[in-house]
N, C-alpha and C. Protein backbone atom coordinates (compact mmCIF):
# COMPACT_ATOMS: atom_id res chain seq x y z
N UNK A 1 6.58 22.04 14.64
CA UNK A 1 7.37 22.35 13.47
C UNK A 1 8.28 21.15 13.14
N UNK A 2 8.46 20.89 11.86
CA UNK A 2 9.32 19.78 11.43
C UNK A 2 10.76 20.04 11.84
N UNK A 3 11.41 18.97 12.28
CA UNK A 3 12.81 19.08 12.70
C UNK A 3 13.70 18.49 11.62
N UNK A 4 15.00 18.68 11.82
CA UNK A 4 15.96 18.11 10.90
C UNK A 4 15.74 16.60 10.80
N UNK A 5 15.71 16.06 9.61
CA UNK A 5 15.42 14.65 9.40
C UNK A 5 13.97 14.40 9.03
N UNK A 6 13.08 15.28 9.49
CA UNK A 6 11.67 15.15 9.13
C UNK A 6 11.46 15.59 7.69
N UNK A 7 12.24 16.56 7.28
CA UNK A 7 12.21 17.07 5.91
C UNK A 7 13.60 16.96 5.32
N UNK A 8 13.65 16.77 4.02
CA UNK A 8 14.93 16.73 3.31
C UNK A 8 14.81 17.61 2.08
N UNK A 9 15.85 18.32 1.80
CA UNK A 9 15.89 19.15 0.60
C UNK A 9 16.54 18.32 -0.50
N UNK A 10 15.79 18.07 -1.55
CA UNK A 10 16.29 17.25 -2.65
C UNK A 10 17.23 18.01 -3.56
N UNK A 11 17.80 17.32 -4.55
CA UNK A 11 18.72 17.96 -5.49
C UNK A 11 18.06 19.09 -6.28
N UNK A 12 16.72 19.07 -6.34
CA UNK A 12 15.98 20.11 -7.05
C UNK A 12 15.61 21.28 -6.14
N UNK A 13 16.03 21.22 -4.86
CA UNK A 13 15.75 22.30 -3.92
C UNK A 13 14.39 22.20 -3.25
N UNK A 14 13.64 21.13 -3.51
CA UNK A 14 12.30 20.97 -2.94
C UNK A 14 12.37 20.25 -1.60
N UNK A 15 11.55 20.72 -0.65
CA UNK A 15 11.46 20.08 0.67
C UNK A 15 10.51 18.89 0.57
N UNK A 16 10.99 17.72 1.02
CA UNK A 16 10.22 16.48 0.99
C UNK A 16 10.24 15.83 2.36
N UNK A 17 9.32 14.88 2.56
CA UNK A 17 9.37 14.04 3.75
C UNK A 17 10.76 13.40 3.82
N UNK A 18 11.34 13.38 5.01
CA UNK A 18 12.71 12.90 5.17
C UNK A 18 12.96 11.50 4.64
N UNK A 19 11.96 10.62 4.71
CA UNK A 19 12.15 9.24 4.25
C UNK A 19 12.38 9.18 2.75
N UNK A 20 11.97 10.19 2.01
CA UNK A 20 12.09 10.18 0.56
C UNK A 20 13.49 10.54 0.07
N UNK A 21 14.38 10.84 0.99
CA UNK A 21 15.72 11.28 0.63
C UNK A 21 16.69 10.12 0.39
N UNK A 22 16.24 8.88 0.64
CA UNK A 22 17.15 7.74 0.58
C UNK A 22 17.62 7.33 -0.79
N UNK A 23 16.83 7.58 -1.82
CA UNK A 23 17.21 7.14 -3.17
C UNK A 23 16.35 7.84 -4.21
N UNK A 24 16.78 7.75 -5.46
CA UNK A 24 15.95 8.30 -6.54
C UNK A 24 14.61 7.57 -6.61
N UNK A 25 14.62 6.24 -6.35
CA UNK A 25 13.37 5.47 -6.37
C UNK A 25 12.38 6.00 -5.33
N UNK A 26 12.87 6.23 -4.12
CA UNK A 26 12.00 6.78 -3.07
C UNK A 26 11.49 8.17 -3.45
N UNK A 27 12.39 9.01 -3.96
CA UNK A 27 12.00 10.37 -4.34
C UNK A 27 10.91 10.35 -5.40
N UNK A 28 11.09 9.53 -6.42
CA UNK A 28 10.09 9.45 -7.49
C UNK A 28 8.75 8.94 -6.95
N UNK A 29 8.80 7.89 -6.13
CA UNK A 29 7.57 7.34 -5.54
C UNK A 29 6.87 8.40 -4.69
N UNK A 30 7.65 9.08 -3.85
CA UNK A 30 7.11 10.13 -2.99
C UNK A 30 6.47 11.24 -3.82
N UNK A 31 7.16 11.69 -4.86
CA UNK A 31 6.71 12.85 -5.63
C UNK A 31 5.55 12.56 -6.55
N UNK A 32 5.42 11.32 -7.02
CA UNK A 32 4.42 11.05 -8.06
C UNK A 32 3.28 10.14 -7.63
N UNK A 33 3.47 9.41 -6.51
CA UNK A 33 2.47 8.39 -6.20
C UNK A 33 2.00 8.37 -4.75
N UNK A 34 2.91 8.42 -3.78
CA UNK A 34 2.53 8.25 -2.38
C UNK A 34 1.59 9.36 -1.95
N UNK A 35 0.43 8.98 -1.47
CA UNK A 35 -0.54 9.95 -0.99
C UNK A 35 -1.49 10.47 -2.06
N UNK A 36 -1.29 10.05 -3.30
CA UNK A 36 -2.20 10.44 -4.38
C UNK A 36 -3.40 9.50 -4.34
N UNK A 37 -4.63 10.02 -4.37
CA UNK A 37 -5.80 9.15 -4.29
C UNK A 37 -5.81 8.07 -5.37
N UNK A 38 -5.99 6.83 -4.91
CA UNK A 38 -6.03 5.66 -5.78
C UNK A 38 -7.46 5.14 -5.79
N UNK A 39 -8.01 4.99 -6.96
CA UNK A 39 -9.36 4.46 -7.12
C UNK A 39 -9.32 3.28 -8.08
N UNK A 40 -10.30 2.41 -7.94
CA UNK A 40 -10.43 1.29 -8.86
C UNK A 40 -9.95 -0.01 -8.26
N UNK A 41 -10.66 -1.07 -8.61
CA UNK A 41 -10.39 -2.39 -8.06
C UNK A 41 -8.96 -2.85 -8.27
N UNK A 42 -8.49 -2.79 -9.49
CA UNK A 42 -7.16 -3.32 -9.80
C UNK A 42 -6.08 -2.55 -9.06
N UNK A 43 -6.16 -1.23 -9.08
CA UNK A 43 -5.14 -0.40 -8.42
C UNK A 43 -5.14 -0.62 -6.92
N UNK A 44 -6.30 -0.71 -6.31
CA UNK A 44 -6.37 -0.93 -4.87
C UNK A 44 -5.92 -2.34 -4.50
N UNK A 45 -6.30 -3.32 -5.30
CA UNK A 45 -5.85 -4.69 -5.05
C UNK A 45 -4.32 -4.75 -5.13
N UNK A 46 -3.74 -4.07 -6.11
CA UNK A 46 -2.27 -4.03 -6.21
C UNK A 46 -1.65 -3.45 -4.96
N UNK A 47 -2.14 -2.29 -4.50
CA UNK A 47 -1.55 -1.63 -3.34
C UNK A 47 -1.68 -2.48 -2.08
N UNK A 48 -2.85 -3.09 -1.88
CA UNK A 48 -3.05 -3.94 -0.70
C UNK A 48 -2.10 -5.13 -0.76
N UNK A 49 -1.95 -5.71 -1.94
CA UNK A 49 -1.05 -6.86 -2.11
C UNK A 49 0.40 -6.46 -1.84
N UNK A 50 0.83 -5.35 -2.40
CA UNK A 50 2.21 -4.91 -2.20
C UNK A 50 2.49 -4.56 -0.75
N UNK A 51 1.53 -3.92 -0.09
CA UNK A 51 1.72 -3.59 1.33
C UNK A 51 1.82 -4.87 2.16
N UNK A 52 1.05 -5.88 1.82
CA UNK A 52 1.13 -7.16 2.54
C UNK A 52 2.49 -7.81 2.32
N UNK A 53 2.99 -7.77 1.09
CA UNK A 53 4.32 -8.33 0.82
C UNK A 53 5.42 -7.53 1.53
N UNK A 54 5.20 -6.24 1.72
CA UNK A 54 6.20 -5.39 2.35
C UNK A 54 6.34 -5.69 3.84
N UNK A 55 5.31 -6.19 4.46
CA UNK A 55 5.34 -6.43 5.90
C UNK A 55 6.63 -7.14 6.33
N UNK A 56 7.41 -6.48 7.19
CA UNK A 56 8.66 -7.04 7.67
C UNK A 56 9.86 -6.71 6.79
N UNK A 57 9.64 -6.03 5.70
CA UNK A 57 10.73 -5.69 4.77
C UNK A 57 10.78 -4.18 4.56
N UNK A 58 11.84 -3.71 3.95
CA UNK A 58 11.93 -2.30 3.57
C UNK A 58 11.08 -2.06 2.32
N UNK A 59 10.37 -0.94 2.29
CA UNK A 59 9.52 -0.63 1.14
C UNK A 59 10.32 -0.57 -0.16
N UNK A 60 11.57 -0.15 -0.09
CA UNK A 60 12.38 -0.05 -1.30
C UNK A 60 12.51 -1.41 -1.98
N UNK A 61 12.52 -2.48 -1.19
CA UNK A 61 12.60 -3.84 -1.75
C UNK A 61 11.39 -4.10 -2.64
N UNK A 62 10.21 -3.77 -2.15
CA UNK A 62 8.97 -3.99 -2.90
C UNK A 62 8.91 -3.04 -4.10
N UNK A 63 9.28 -1.81 -3.87
CA UNK A 63 9.25 -0.82 -4.94
C UNK A 63 10.10 -1.25 -6.13
N UNK A 64 11.27 -1.76 -5.85
CA UNK A 64 12.17 -2.19 -6.92
C UNK A 64 11.72 -3.49 -7.58
N UNK A 65 10.96 -4.29 -6.87
CA UNK A 65 10.44 -5.55 -7.43
C UNK A 65 9.04 -5.38 -8.03
N UNK A 66 8.51 -4.20 -8.00
CA UNK A 66 7.13 -3.98 -8.45
C UNK A 66 6.86 -4.47 -9.87
N UNK A 67 7.73 -4.20 -10.84
CA UNK A 67 7.47 -4.73 -12.18
C UNK A 67 7.37 -6.26 -12.19
N UNK A 68 8.20 -6.92 -11.41
CA UNK A 68 8.16 -8.38 -11.33
C UNK A 68 6.87 -8.85 -10.66
N UNK A 69 6.42 -8.14 -9.63
CA UNK A 69 5.14 -8.48 -8.99
C UNK A 69 4.00 -8.34 -10.00
N UNK A 70 4.04 -7.28 -10.79
CA UNK A 70 2.97 -7.09 -11.79
C UNK A 70 2.97 -8.25 -12.79
N UNK A 71 4.14 -8.68 -13.21
CA UNK A 71 4.21 -9.81 -14.14
C UNK A 71 3.74 -11.10 -13.47
N UNK A 72 4.16 -11.33 -12.25
CA UNK A 72 3.83 -12.57 -11.54
C UNK A 72 2.34 -12.67 -11.20
N UNK A 73 1.71 -11.54 -10.95
CA UNK A 73 0.31 -11.51 -10.55
C UNK A 73 -0.60 -10.91 -11.62
N UNK A 74 -0.28 -11.20 -12.88
CA UNK A 74 -1.15 -10.84 -14.02
C UNK A 74 -1.59 -9.38 -13.98
N UNK A 75 -0.65 -8.49 -13.70
CA UNK A 75 -0.92 -7.06 -13.60
C UNK A 75 -2.05 -6.79 -12.60
N UNK A 76 -2.14 -7.64 -11.59
CA UNK A 76 -3.11 -7.53 -10.50
C UNK A 76 -4.55 -7.57 -11.01
N UNK A 77 -4.77 -8.41 -12.01
CA UNK A 77 -6.12 -8.71 -12.48
C UNK A 77 -6.70 -9.74 -11.51
N UNK A 78 -7.64 -9.33 -10.67
CA UNK A 78 -8.17 -10.20 -9.62
C UNK A 78 -8.80 -11.46 -10.19
N UNK A 79 -9.42 -11.37 -11.35
CA UNK A 79 -10.05 -12.56 -11.93
C UNK A 79 -9.02 -13.62 -12.28
N UNK A 80 -7.88 -13.19 -12.80
CA UNK A 80 -6.82 -14.14 -13.16
C UNK A 80 -6.19 -14.71 -11.89
N UNK A 81 -5.82 -13.84 -10.96
CA UNK A 81 -5.13 -14.30 -9.75
C UNK A 81 -6.04 -15.20 -8.91
N UNK A 82 -7.33 -14.91 -8.88
CA UNK A 82 -8.28 -15.73 -8.11
C UNK A 82 -8.30 -17.17 -8.60
N UNK A 83 -7.93 -17.39 -9.85
CA UNK A 83 -7.95 -18.75 -10.41
C UNK A 83 -6.62 -19.48 -10.23
N UNK A 84 -5.62 -18.82 -9.62
CA UNK A 84 -4.32 -19.48 -9.43
C UNK A 84 -4.49 -20.72 -8.56
N UNK A 85 -3.81 -21.78 -8.96
CA UNK A 85 -3.85 -23.04 -8.23
C UNK A 85 -2.47 -23.45 -7.76
N UNK A 86 -2.31 -24.70 -7.35
CA UNK A 86 -1.04 -25.18 -6.81
C UNK A 86 0.14 -25.01 -7.76
N UNK A 87 -0.08 -25.19 -9.06
CA UNK A 87 1.03 -25.01 -10.02
C UNK A 87 1.50 -23.56 -10.05
N UNK A 88 0.55 -22.64 -9.96
CA UNK A 88 0.90 -21.22 -9.95
C UNK A 88 1.66 -20.86 -8.67
N UNK A 89 1.20 -21.39 -7.55
CA UNK A 89 1.90 -21.14 -6.28
C UNK A 89 3.33 -21.68 -6.36
N UNK A 90 3.50 -22.87 -6.90
CA UNK A 90 4.84 -23.44 -7.04
C UNK A 90 5.70 -22.57 -7.94
N UNK A 91 5.12 -22.08 -9.04
CA UNK A 91 5.85 -21.18 -9.95
C UNK A 91 6.28 -19.91 -9.22
N UNK A 92 5.37 -19.32 -8.46
CA UNK A 92 5.68 -18.09 -7.74
C UNK A 92 6.74 -18.31 -6.66
N UNK A 93 6.70 -19.46 -6.02
CA UNK A 93 7.70 -19.77 -5.00
C UNK A 93 9.10 -19.94 -5.60
N UNK A 94 9.19 -20.16 -6.90
CA UNK A 94 10.48 -20.28 -7.58
C UNK A 94 10.92 -18.97 -8.24
N UNK A 95 10.08 -17.95 -8.20
CA UNK A 95 10.34 -16.68 -8.89
C UNK A 95 11.18 -15.77 -8.00
N UNK A 96 12.48 -15.74 -8.24
CA UNK A 96 13.40 -14.94 -7.43
C UNK A 96 13.21 -13.44 -7.62
N UNK A 97 12.44 -13.04 -8.62
CA UNK A 97 12.23 -11.62 -8.88
C UNK A 97 11.21 -11.00 -7.93
N UNK A 98 10.43 -11.85 -7.22
CA UNK A 98 9.48 -11.35 -6.23
C UNK A 98 9.92 -11.83 -4.85
N UNK A 99 9.14 -11.48 -3.84
CA UNK A 99 9.37 -11.98 -2.49
C UNK A 99 8.70 -13.35 -2.41
N UNK A 100 9.49 -14.37 -2.15
CA UNK A 100 8.97 -15.74 -2.15
C UNK A 100 8.57 -16.14 -0.73
N UNK A 101 7.39 -15.73 -0.35
CA UNK A 101 6.85 -16.03 0.96
C UNK A 101 5.50 -16.72 0.74
N UNK A 102 5.41 -17.97 1.11
CA UNK A 102 4.21 -18.77 0.83
C UNK A 102 2.94 -18.16 1.43
N UNK A 103 3.02 -17.69 2.67
CA UNK A 103 1.83 -17.09 3.29
C UNK A 103 1.37 -15.85 2.54
N UNK A 104 2.31 -15.05 2.08
CA UNK A 104 1.95 -13.82 1.37
C UNK A 104 1.43 -14.13 -0.03
N UNK A 105 1.99 -15.12 -0.68
CA UNK A 105 1.48 -15.55 -1.99
C UNK A 105 0.07 -16.10 -1.85
N UNK A 106 -0.14 -16.95 -0.86
CA UNK A 106 -1.48 -17.49 -0.61
C UNK A 106 -2.47 -16.36 -0.31
N UNK A 107 -2.02 -15.36 0.47
CA UNK A 107 -2.89 -14.23 0.80
C UNK A 107 -3.27 -13.45 -0.46
N UNK A 108 -2.33 -13.27 -1.37
CA UNK A 108 -2.64 -12.54 -2.61
C UNK A 108 -3.73 -13.25 -3.40
N UNK A 109 -3.69 -14.57 -3.43
CA UNK A 109 -4.71 -15.35 -4.14
C UNK A 109 -6.04 -15.29 -3.39
N UNK A 110 -6.00 -15.50 -2.09
CA UNK A 110 -7.20 -15.40 -1.26
C UNK A 110 -7.85 -14.03 -1.41
N UNK A 111 -7.02 -13.00 -1.41
CA UNK A 111 -7.54 -11.64 -1.51
C UNK A 111 -8.14 -11.36 -2.89
N UNK A 112 -7.58 -11.94 -3.93
CA UNK A 112 -8.18 -11.78 -5.26
C UNK A 112 -9.57 -12.41 -5.28
N UNK A 113 -9.72 -13.55 -4.65
CA UNK A 113 -11.03 -14.20 -4.57
C UNK A 113 -12.01 -13.34 -3.79
N UNK A 114 -11.53 -12.71 -2.71
CA UNK A 114 -12.38 -11.81 -1.92
C UNK A 114 -12.77 -10.57 -2.72
N UNK A 115 -11.84 -10.05 -3.52
CA UNK A 115 -12.15 -8.90 -4.38
C UNK A 115 -13.33 -9.23 -5.30
N UNK A 116 -13.31 -10.41 -5.88
CA UNK A 116 -14.41 -10.80 -6.77
C UNK A 116 -15.73 -10.89 -6.01
N UNK A 117 -15.72 -11.46 -4.82
CA UNK A 117 -16.96 -11.54 -4.02
C UNK A 117 -17.47 -10.15 -3.64
N UNK A 118 -16.56 -9.22 -3.42
CA UNK A 118 -16.97 -7.86 -3.03
C UNK A 118 -17.73 -7.14 -4.13
N UNK A 119 -17.59 -7.56 -5.35
CA UNK A 119 -18.29 -6.90 -6.45
C UNK A 119 -19.80 -6.90 -6.22
N UNK A 120 -20.29 -7.92 -5.53
CA UNK A 120 -21.73 -8.01 -5.25
C UNK A 120 -22.16 -7.06 -4.15
N UNK A 121 -21.21 -6.49 -3.42
CA UNK A 121 -21.53 -5.62 -2.28
C UNK A 121 -20.93 -4.23 -2.44
N UNK A 122 -20.83 -3.74 -3.64
CA UNK A 122 -20.31 -2.39 -3.87
C UNK A 122 -18.87 -2.32 -4.32
N UNK A 123 -18.12 -3.38 -4.12
CA UNK A 123 -16.75 -3.44 -4.62
C UNK A 123 -15.70 -3.00 -3.63
N UNK A 124 -14.46 -3.32 -3.98
CA UNK A 124 -13.31 -2.99 -3.14
C UNK A 124 -13.15 -1.48 -2.98
N UNK A 125 -13.36 -0.74 -4.04
CA UNK A 125 -13.22 0.71 -4.01
C UNK A 125 -14.13 1.31 -2.94
N UNK A 126 -15.39 0.91 -2.96
CA UNK A 126 -16.35 1.44 -1.99
C UNK A 126 -15.97 1.06 -0.56
N UNK A 127 -15.56 -0.18 -0.36
CA UNK A 127 -15.18 -0.63 0.98
C UNK A 127 -13.99 0.16 1.50
N UNK A 128 -12.94 0.26 0.71
CA UNK A 128 -11.74 0.96 1.16
C UNK A 128 -12.03 2.43 1.44
N UNK A 129 -12.68 3.10 0.50
CA UNK A 129 -12.89 4.54 0.63
C UNK A 129 -13.95 4.92 1.66
N UNK A 130 -14.67 3.93 2.17
CA UNK A 130 -15.62 4.23 3.24
C UNK A 130 -14.91 4.40 4.59
N UNK A 131 -13.59 4.21 4.60
CA UNK A 131 -12.82 4.32 5.84
C UNK A 131 -11.91 5.55 5.89
N UNK A 132 -12.21 6.55 5.10
CA UNK A 132 -11.45 7.80 5.14
C UNK A 132 -11.73 8.49 6.48
N UNK A 133 -10.69 8.89 7.20
CA UNK A 133 -10.92 9.58 8.46
C UNK A 133 -11.66 10.90 8.26
N UNK A 134 -12.53 11.22 9.19
CA UNK A 134 -13.27 12.48 9.12
C UNK A 134 -12.35 13.65 9.42
N UNK A 135 -11.48 13.48 10.41
CA UNK A 135 -10.60 14.55 10.84
C UNK A 135 -9.16 14.03 10.87
N UNK A 136 -8.40 14.39 9.87
CA UNK A 136 -7.00 13.96 9.81
C UNK A 136 -6.13 15.18 9.54
N UNK A 137 -5.09 15.30 10.34
CA UNK A 137 -4.14 16.40 10.15
C UNK A 137 -2.79 15.86 9.75
N UNK A 138 -2.13 16.58 8.87
CA UNK A 138 -0.78 16.18 8.47
C UNK A 138 0.14 16.20 9.68
N UNK A 139 1.07 15.24 9.76
CA UNK A 139 1.98 15.22 10.90
C UNK A 139 2.98 16.38 10.85
N UNK A 140 3.30 16.90 12.02
CA UNK A 140 4.30 17.97 12.10
C UNK A 140 5.70 17.40 11.97
N UNK A 141 5.85 16.12 12.31
CA UNK A 141 7.14 15.47 12.21
C UNK A 141 6.92 14.00 11.87
N UNK A 142 7.97 13.32 11.43
CA UNK A 142 7.84 11.89 11.13
C UNK A 142 7.41 11.11 12.37
N UNK A 143 7.85 11.55 13.54
CA UNK A 143 7.50 10.90 14.79
C UNK A 143 6.02 11.03 15.14
N UNK A 144 5.33 11.98 14.53
CA UNK A 144 3.90 12.17 14.78
C UNK A 144 3.03 11.27 13.91
N UNK A 145 3.64 10.53 13.01
CA UNK A 145 2.88 9.67 12.11
C UNK A 145 2.52 8.37 12.83
N UNK A 146 1.23 8.06 12.93
CA UNK A 146 0.85 6.83 13.65
C UNK A 146 1.15 5.58 12.83
N UNK A 147 1.27 4.46 13.52
CA UNK A 147 1.44 3.17 12.84
C UNK A 147 0.09 2.60 12.44
N UNK A 148 -0.95 2.96 13.19
CA UNK A 148 -2.31 2.56 12.88
C UNK A 148 -3.26 3.56 13.52
N UNK A 149 -4.49 3.55 13.06
CA UNK A 149 -5.51 4.46 13.56
C UNK A 149 -6.81 3.68 13.74
N UNK A 150 -7.79 4.27 14.40
CA UNK A 150 -9.08 3.58 14.50
C UNK A 150 -9.65 3.22 13.12
N UNK A 151 -9.41 4.08 12.14
CA UNK A 151 -9.92 3.81 10.78
C UNK A 151 -9.19 2.63 10.14
N UNK A 152 -7.87 2.52 10.37
CA UNK A 152 -7.15 1.39 9.77
C UNK A 152 -7.51 0.09 10.48
N UNK A 153 -7.82 0.16 11.77
CA UNK A 153 -8.30 -1.01 12.50
C UNK A 153 -9.64 -1.44 11.92
N UNK A 154 -10.53 -0.47 11.69
CA UNK A 154 -11.86 -0.77 11.14
C UNK A 154 -11.75 -1.32 9.71
N UNK A 155 -10.85 -0.75 8.91
CA UNK A 155 -10.66 -1.24 7.55
C UNK A 155 -10.13 -2.67 7.56
N UNK A 156 -9.16 -2.94 8.42
CA UNK A 156 -8.63 -4.31 8.52
C UNK A 156 -9.73 -5.29 8.91
N UNK A 157 -10.56 -4.92 9.86
CA UNK A 157 -11.66 -5.80 10.29
C UNK A 157 -12.65 -6.01 9.15
N UNK A 158 -12.98 -4.96 8.42
CA UNK A 158 -13.94 -5.07 7.31
C UNK A 158 -13.38 -5.96 6.21
N UNK A 159 -12.10 -5.81 5.91
CA UNK A 159 -11.48 -6.65 4.87
C UNK A 159 -11.43 -8.11 5.33
N UNK A 160 -11.07 -8.34 6.59
CA UNK A 160 -11.03 -9.72 7.10
C UNK A 160 -12.42 -10.34 7.05
N UNK A 161 -13.43 -9.56 7.41
CA UNK A 161 -14.81 -10.06 7.36
C UNK A 161 -15.21 -10.42 5.92
N UNK A 162 -14.64 -9.69 4.96
CA UNK A 162 -14.91 -9.95 3.54
C UNK A 162 -14.06 -11.10 3.00
N UNK A 163 -13.20 -11.69 3.84
CA UNK A 163 -12.42 -12.85 3.42
C UNK A 163 -10.97 -12.58 3.09
N UNK A 164 -10.49 -11.37 3.33
CA UNK A 164 -9.10 -11.03 3.04
C UNK A 164 -8.17 -11.59 4.11
N UNK A 165 -6.92 -11.79 3.74
CA UNK A 165 -5.88 -12.27 4.65
C UNK A 165 -4.69 -11.33 4.59
N UNK A 166 -3.91 -11.32 5.66
CA UNK A 166 -2.67 -10.55 5.74
C UNK A 166 -2.94 -9.05 5.58
N UNK A 167 -4.01 -8.58 6.23
CA UNK A 167 -4.42 -7.18 6.14
C UNK A 167 -4.61 -6.59 7.54
N UNK A 168 -3.55 -6.62 8.34
CA UNK A 168 -3.63 -6.07 9.69
C UNK A 168 -3.74 -4.56 9.69
N UNK A 169 -4.04 -3.97 10.85
CA UNK A 169 -4.25 -2.52 10.94
C UNK A 169 -3.03 -1.68 10.54
N UNK A 170 -1.82 -2.15 10.84
CA UNK A 170 -0.63 -1.40 10.45
C UNK A 170 -0.42 -1.46 8.95
N UNK A 171 -0.61 -2.63 8.38
CA UNK A 171 -0.50 -2.78 6.93
C UNK A 171 -1.56 -1.93 6.23
N UNK A 172 -2.76 -1.91 6.79
CA UNK A 172 -3.82 -1.12 6.17
C UNK A 172 -3.60 0.38 6.33
N UNK A 173 -2.94 0.78 7.43
CA UNK A 173 -2.63 2.21 7.53
C UNK A 173 -1.60 2.61 6.48
N UNK A 174 -0.62 1.74 6.24
CA UNK A 174 0.35 2.01 5.18
C UNK A 174 -0.35 2.11 3.83
N UNK A 175 -1.34 1.24 3.60
CA UNK A 175 -2.12 1.30 2.35
C UNK A 175 -2.92 2.60 2.28
N UNK A 176 -3.49 3.01 3.41
CA UNK A 176 -4.26 4.27 3.43
C UNK A 176 -3.37 5.45 3.08
N UNK A 177 -2.14 5.44 3.59
CA UNK A 177 -1.19 6.50 3.25
C UNK A 177 -0.85 6.46 1.76
N UNK A 178 -0.51 5.27 1.27
CA UNK A 178 -0.10 5.12 -0.12
C UNK A 178 -1.21 5.48 -1.08
N UNK A 179 -2.45 5.18 -0.70
CA UNK A 179 -3.60 5.36 -1.60
C UNK A 179 -4.30 6.70 -1.42
N UNK A 180 -3.75 7.57 -0.58
CA UNK A 180 -4.30 8.91 -0.45
C UNK A 180 -5.54 9.04 0.41
N UNK A 181 -5.86 8.04 1.21
CA UNK A 181 -6.98 8.18 2.13
C UNK A 181 -6.62 9.15 3.25
N UNK A 182 -5.33 9.24 3.54
CA UNK A 182 -4.81 10.21 4.49
C UNK A 182 -3.62 10.91 3.83
N UNK A 183 -3.39 12.15 4.23
CA UNK A 183 -2.23 12.89 3.75
C UNK A 183 -1.23 12.95 4.90
N UNK A 184 -0.22 12.10 4.85
CA UNK A 184 0.80 12.07 5.90
C UNK A 184 2.12 12.66 5.43
N UNK A 185 2.06 13.52 4.41
CA UNK A 185 3.27 14.28 4.07
C UNK A 185 3.52 15.25 5.23
N UNK A 186 4.74 15.24 5.75
CA UNK A 186 5.09 16.09 6.88
C UNK A 186 4.84 17.55 6.53
N UNK A 187 4.37 18.30 7.51
CA UNK A 187 4.16 19.74 7.32
C UNK A 187 5.47 20.34 6.78
N UNK A 188 5.36 21.07 5.70
CA UNK A 188 6.53 21.66 5.05
C UNK A 188 6.93 20.95 3.77
N UNK A 189 6.45 19.71 3.62
CA UNK A 189 6.72 18.95 2.39
C UNK A 189 5.91 19.56 1.24
N UNK A 190 6.54 19.70 0.11
CA UNK A 190 5.87 20.34 -1.02
C UNK A 190 4.69 19.54 -1.56
N UNK A 191 4.61 18.24 -1.25
CA UNK A 191 3.54 17.39 -1.78
C UNK A 191 2.28 17.41 -0.92
N UNK A 192 2.34 17.95 0.26
CA UNK A 192 1.17 17.97 1.13
C UNK A 192 0.02 18.74 0.52
N UNK A 193 -1.20 18.28 0.84
CA UNK A 193 -2.38 18.92 0.25
C UNK A 193 -3.24 19.65 1.27
N UNK A 194 -2.99 19.43 2.54
CA UNK A 194 -3.86 20.07 3.53
C UNK A 194 -3.06 20.88 4.52
């Protein structure tokens, strides 16, 4: 059973995952997006990119900078980002509205190029969604939520084999949660589906 802190009662009286209680931004993200199935190349490329940028930072930082990331990365159009060169990297490194991390910027460009190559092999959507766990149960508490799973390890390996960078198993598990491949809303949360 969920304990205090695992669930939070919002101003509207609804029980949510405890992490969503930190701000209106978190609440909105939790209620409208986190765990909702995401399909399509552009949407998945965006989520993978944002999760990679989040590594080592609080998600709220990325969430609040999301509009700037969309502007900086051509609304996550893989064809445009794949063509970014040294001038674009220099521009992004000067853009204070995003996270200015050279390795993560380079990874976003590398990953856009990999997205384009994947089109010949079924596409990013097919690759990501082929890693949905067969048996997944919602966590009873926040402490029951894993940092990675065999499926996120396999997804990270498949993406790396396809040429992606900065896509470790923990980052990919966060992407799986965000994109609805798993439902990790704590038992008792009104958003849970299983």
